[in-house]
N, C-alpha and C. Protein backbone atom coordinates (compact mmCIF):
# COMPACT_ATOMS: atom_id res chain seq x y z
N MET A 1 -42.57 -42.16 5.14
CA MET A 1 -43.62 -41.59 5.96
C MET A 1 -44.28 -42.73 6.73
N PRO A 2 -44.52 -42.55 8.00
CA PRO A 2 -45.17 -43.61 8.78
C PRO A 2 -46.56 -43.92 8.24
N GLU A 3 -46.91 -45.19 8.30
CA GLU A 3 -48.18 -45.64 7.72
C GLU A 3 -49.40 -45.00 8.38
N HIS A 4 -49.34 -44.78 9.66
CA HIS A 4 -50.51 -44.23 10.36
C HIS A 4 -50.79 -42.77 9.98
N LEU A 5 -49.84 -42.11 9.30
CA LEU A 5 -50.05 -40.72 8.87
C LEU A 5 -50.52 -40.59 7.43
N LEU A 6 -50.58 -41.70 6.70
CA LEU A 6 -50.94 -41.64 5.28
C LEU A 6 -52.34 -41.08 5.04
N GLY A 7 -53.26 -41.37 5.91
CA GLY A 7 -54.63 -40.92 5.72
C GLY A 7 -54.90 -39.52 6.24
N HIS A 8 -53.96 -38.92 6.92
CA HIS A 8 -54.16 -37.58 7.48
C HIS A 8 -54.26 -36.54 6.37
N GLN A 9 -55.05 -35.52 6.65
CA GLN A 9 -55.27 -34.46 5.67
C GLN A 9 -54.86 -33.11 6.26
N ASN A 10 -54.48 -32.19 5.39
CA ASN A 10 -54.16 -30.85 5.86
C ASN A 10 -55.44 -30.02 5.97
N ASN A 11 -55.31 -28.72 6.18
CA ASN A 11 -56.47 -27.84 6.35
C ASN A 11 -57.34 -27.76 5.10
N GLU A 12 -56.75 -28.03 3.93
CA GLU A 12 -57.50 -27.97 2.68
C GLU A 12 -58.09 -29.32 2.30
N GLY A 13 -57.88 -30.34 3.11
CA GLY A 13 -58.44 -31.66 2.86
C GLY A 13 -57.60 -32.54 1.95
N ASN A 14 -56.34 -32.19 1.73
CA ASN A 14 -55.46 -32.99 0.87
C ASN A 14 -54.55 -33.88 1.71
N THR A 15 -54.34 -35.10 1.21
CA THR A 15 -53.40 -36.00 1.87
C THR A 15 -51.98 -35.69 1.37
N ALA A 16 -51.00 -36.28 2.04
CA ALA A 16 -49.60 -36.06 1.64
C ALA A 16 -49.36 -36.56 0.22
N GLU A 17 -49.98 -37.68 -0.13
CA GLU A 17 -49.81 -38.23 -1.48
C GLU A 17 -50.38 -37.28 -2.53
N GLU A 18 -51.54 -36.73 -2.28
CA GLU A 18 -52.16 -35.80 -3.23
C GLU A 18 -51.30 -34.54 -3.42
N ILE A 19 -50.76 -34.03 -2.33
CA ILE A 19 -49.91 -32.84 -2.41
C ILE A 19 -48.64 -33.16 -3.21
N PHE A 20 -48.04 -34.31 -2.92
CA PHE A 20 -46.82 -34.71 -3.62
C PHE A 20 -47.08 -34.85 -5.12
N LEU A 21 -48.16 -35.51 -5.49
CA LEU A 21 -48.47 -35.70 -6.91
C LEU A 21 -48.75 -34.38 -7.61
N GLU A 22 -49.40 -33.47 -6.92
CA GLU A 22 -49.70 -32.16 -7.51
C GLU A 22 -48.42 -31.36 -7.74
N ILE A 23 -47.54 -31.38 -6.77
CA ILE A 23 -46.30 -30.60 -6.87
C ILE A 23 -45.36 -31.19 -7.92
N HIS A 24 -45.31 -32.51 -8.02
CA HIS A 24 -44.33 -33.17 -8.87
C HIS A 24 -44.89 -33.67 -10.20
N SER A 25 -46.07 -33.26 -10.58
CA SER A 25 -46.66 -33.73 -11.84
C SER A 25 -45.84 -33.29 -13.06
N GLU A 26 -45.22 -32.12 -12.99
CA GLU A 26 -44.39 -31.64 -14.10
C GLU A 26 -43.15 -32.51 -14.28
N LEU A 27 -42.62 -33.04 -13.19
CA LEU A 27 -41.46 -33.91 -13.28
C LEU A 27 -41.77 -35.17 -14.07
N VAL A 28 -42.95 -35.70 -13.91
CA VAL A 28 -43.34 -36.90 -14.63
C VAL A 28 -43.35 -36.63 -16.13
N THR A 29 -43.90 -35.50 -16.53
CA THR A 29 -43.94 -35.13 -17.94
C THR A 29 -42.52 -34.96 -18.49
N ASN A 30 -41.66 -34.28 -17.75
CA ASN A 30 -40.27 -34.07 -18.19
C ASN A 30 -39.53 -35.39 -18.28
N ASP A 31 -39.76 -36.28 -17.33
CA ASP A 31 -39.08 -37.58 -17.33
C ASP A 31 -39.50 -38.43 -18.52
N ILE A 32 -40.76 -38.37 -18.89
CA ILE A 32 -41.25 -39.14 -20.04
C ILE A 32 -40.58 -38.64 -21.32
N GLU A 33 -40.49 -37.32 -21.47
CA GLU A 33 -39.83 -36.75 -22.65
C GLU A 33 -38.36 -37.14 -22.69
N TRP A 34 -37.67 -37.06 -21.54
CA TRP A 34 -36.25 -37.41 -21.48
C TRP A 34 -36.05 -38.88 -21.83
N LEU A 35 -36.92 -39.74 -21.32
CA LEU A 35 -36.81 -41.17 -21.58
C LEU A 35 -37.00 -41.47 -23.06
N MET A 36 -37.92 -40.80 -23.72
CA MET A 36 -38.14 -41.02 -25.15
C MET A 36 -36.92 -40.57 -25.96
N LYS A 37 -36.35 -39.42 -25.63
CA LYS A 37 -35.17 -38.93 -26.35
C LYS A 37 -33.98 -39.87 -26.14
N THR A 38 -33.80 -40.33 -24.92
CA THR A 38 -32.70 -41.24 -24.62
C THR A 38 -32.88 -42.55 -25.35
N SER A 39 -34.09 -43.04 -25.40
CA SER A 39 -34.38 -44.29 -26.10
C SER A 39 -34.08 -44.16 -27.59
N ASP A 40 -34.46 -43.06 -28.19
CA ASP A 40 -34.18 -42.82 -29.60
C ASP A 40 -32.67 -42.78 -29.86
N SER A 41 -31.95 -42.09 -28.99
CA SER A 41 -30.50 -41.98 -29.15
C SER A 41 -29.83 -43.33 -29.03
N CYS A 42 -30.25 -44.13 -28.07
CA CYS A 42 -29.66 -45.46 -27.89
C CYS A 42 -29.96 -46.36 -29.08
N THR A 43 -31.12 -46.23 -29.66
CA THR A 43 -31.47 -47.03 -30.83
C THR A 43 -30.56 -46.68 -32.01
N ILE A 44 -30.30 -45.41 -32.20
CA ILE A 44 -29.43 -44.98 -33.30
C ILE A 44 -28.01 -45.49 -33.08
N VAL A 45 -27.50 -45.38 -31.87
CA VAL A 45 -26.15 -45.85 -31.56
C VAL A 45 -26.06 -47.36 -31.76
N ALA A 46 -27.07 -48.10 -31.32
CA ALA A 46 -27.07 -49.56 -31.49
C ALA A 46 -27.08 -49.94 -32.97
N ALA A 47 -27.82 -49.22 -33.78
CA ALA A 47 -27.86 -49.50 -35.21
C ALA A 47 -26.50 -49.24 -35.86
N LEU A 48 -25.83 -48.17 -35.46
CA LEU A 48 -24.50 -47.87 -36.00
C LEU A 48 -23.48 -48.93 -35.59
N ILE A 49 -23.54 -49.38 -34.35
CA ILE A 49 -22.63 -50.42 -33.88
C ILE A 49 -22.88 -51.72 -34.63
N ALA A 50 -24.14 -52.07 -34.83
CA ALA A 50 -24.47 -53.30 -35.56
C ALA A 50 -23.98 -53.22 -37.00
N THR A 51 -24.12 -52.07 -37.62
CA THR A 51 -23.66 -51.89 -39.00
C THR A 51 -22.14 -52.06 -39.09
N ALA A 52 -21.42 -51.44 -38.16
CA ALA A 52 -19.96 -51.55 -38.17
C ALA A 52 -19.52 -52.98 -37.88
N ALA A 53 -20.19 -53.65 -36.96
CA ALA A 53 -19.84 -55.04 -36.64
C ALA A 53 -20.07 -55.95 -37.84
N PHE A 54 -21.16 -55.75 -38.53
CA PHE A 54 -21.44 -56.57 -39.71
C PHE A 54 -20.42 -56.31 -40.81
N ALA A 55 -20.10 -55.05 -41.04
CA ALA A 55 -19.14 -54.71 -42.10
C ALA A 55 -17.76 -55.30 -41.82
N THR A 56 -17.34 -55.27 -40.57
CA THR A 56 -16.02 -55.83 -40.25
C THR A 56 -16.02 -57.35 -40.25
N SER A 57 -17.15 -57.95 -39.99
CA SER A 57 -17.18 -59.42 -39.96
C SER A 57 -17.20 -60.03 -41.36
N VAL A 58 -17.70 -59.32 -42.35
CA VAL A 58 -17.76 -59.89 -43.69
C VAL A 58 -16.59 -59.47 -44.57
N SER A 59 -15.81 -58.49 -44.13
CA SER A 59 -14.65 -58.09 -44.94
C SER A 59 -13.43 -58.90 -44.51
N VAL A 60 -12.60 -59.24 -45.48
CA VAL A 60 -11.41 -60.05 -45.23
C VAL A 60 -10.20 -59.13 -45.15
N PRO A 61 -9.42 -59.19 -44.05
CA PRO A 61 -8.24 -58.33 -43.96
C PRO A 61 -7.23 -58.67 -45.06
N GLY A 62 -6.69 -57.69 -45.69
CA GLY A 62 -5.71 -57.91 -46.74
C GLY A 62 -6.31 -58.09 -48.12
N GLY A 63 -7.60 -58.23 -48.22
CA GLY A 63 -8.25 -58.41 -49.51
C GLY A 63 -8.23 -59.86 -49.97
N THR A 64 -8.59 -60.07 -51.23
CA THR A 64 -8.64 -61.42 -51.79
C THR A 64 -7.86 -61.49 -53.09
N LYS A 65 -7.46 -62.70 -53.44
CA LYS A 65 -6.76 -62.93 -54.71
C LYS A 65 -7.79 -63.03 -55.83
N SER A 66 -7.33 -63.35 -57.00
CA SER A 66 -8.22 -63.39 -58.15
C SER A 66 -9.29 -64.47 -58.03
N ARG A 67 -9.01 -65.56 -57.31
CA ARG A 67 -10.00 -66.64 -57.17
C ARG A 67 -10.76 -66.54 -55.84
N ARG A 68 -10.84 -65.35 -55.28
CA ARG A 68 -11.59 -65.06 -54.04
C ARG A 68 -10.99 -65.75 -52.83
N GLU A 69 -9.69 -66.07 -52.87
CA GLU A 69 -8.99 -66.63 -51.73
C GLU A 69 -8.33 -65.48 -50.96
N PRO A 70 -8.34 -65.52 -49.63
CA PRO A 70 -7.72 -64.44 -48.86
C PRO A 70 -6.22 -64.35 -49.12
N VAL A 71 -5.70 -63.14 -49.22
CA VAL A 71 -4.28 -62.91 -49.44
C VAL A 71 -3.47 -63.42 -48.25
N LEU A 72 -3.97 -63.21 -47.06
CA LEU A 72 -3.25 -63.58 -45.83
C LEU A 72 -3.60 -64.98 -45.34
N GLU A 73 -4.07 -65.84 -46.19
CA GLU A 73 -4.57 -67.15 -45.79
C GLU A 73 -3.52 -67.99 -45.04
N ALA A 74 -2.27 -67.92 -45.41
CA ALA A 74 -1.23 -68.75 -44.80
C ALA A 74 -0.68 -68.16 -43.51
N GLU A 75 -1.07 -66.96 -43.16
CA GLU A 75 -0.55 -66.30 -41.96
C GLU A 75 -1.25 -66.80 -40.71
N PRO A 76 -0.51 -67.09 -39.63
CA PRO A 76 -1.13 -67.58 -38.38
C PRO A 76 -2.07 -66.55 -37.74
N MET A 77 -1.73 -65.27 -37.82
CA MET A 77 -2.61 -64.25 -37.22
C MET A 77 -3.94 -64.15 -37.97
N PHE A 78 -3.91 -64.41 -39.27
CA PHE A 78 -5.15 -64.40 -40.04
C PHE A 78 -6.05 -65.55 -39.59
N GLU A 79 -5.45 -66.70 -39.32
CA GLU A 79 -6.22 -67.85 -38.82
C GLU A 79 -6.84 -67.50 -37.47
N ALA A 80 -6.07 -66.86 -36.60
CA ALA A 80 -6.59 -66.46 -35.29
C ALA A 80 -7.74 -65.47 -35.46
N PHE A 81 -7.58 -64.52 -36.37
CA PHE A 81 -8.65 -63.55 -36.63
C PHE A 81 -9.90 -64.24 -37.16
N SER A 82 -9.71 -65.16 -38.09
CA SER A 82 -10.85 -65.86 -38.70
C SER A 82 -11.64 -66.64 -37.66
N ILE A 83 -10.94 -67.31 -36.77
CA ILE A 83 -11.61 -68.11 -35.74
C ILE A 83 -12.29 -67.20 -34.72
N SER A 84 -11.61 -66.13 -34.31
CA SER A 84 -12.19 -65.25 -33.28
C SER A 84 -13.35 -64.41 -33.80
N SER A 85 -13.42 -64.18 -35.09
CA SER A 85 -14.50 -63.34 -35.62
C SER A 85 -15.81 -64.10 -35.79
N LEU A 86 -15.78 -65.40 -35.58
CA LEU A 86 -17.02 -66.18 -35.68
C LEU A 86 -17.81 -65.92 -34.45
């Protein structure tokens, strides 16, 4: 909207900004509710991802021997996995 028209009023004495805010006030309320629900959902998803990432980073593929040594310790792919998981 051109700047020189911002101060103009209609027959009821309302400016364009006042009319816009009155008409769209319900949208603001709906948007706040939507944002809160989305934020909650994203927090839950992030917590699940963090839990899965932690569980996979502390578990050793193939299990461990009796002295807590990895079963796949001599395998080259296990070495690659160990280095990349850091």
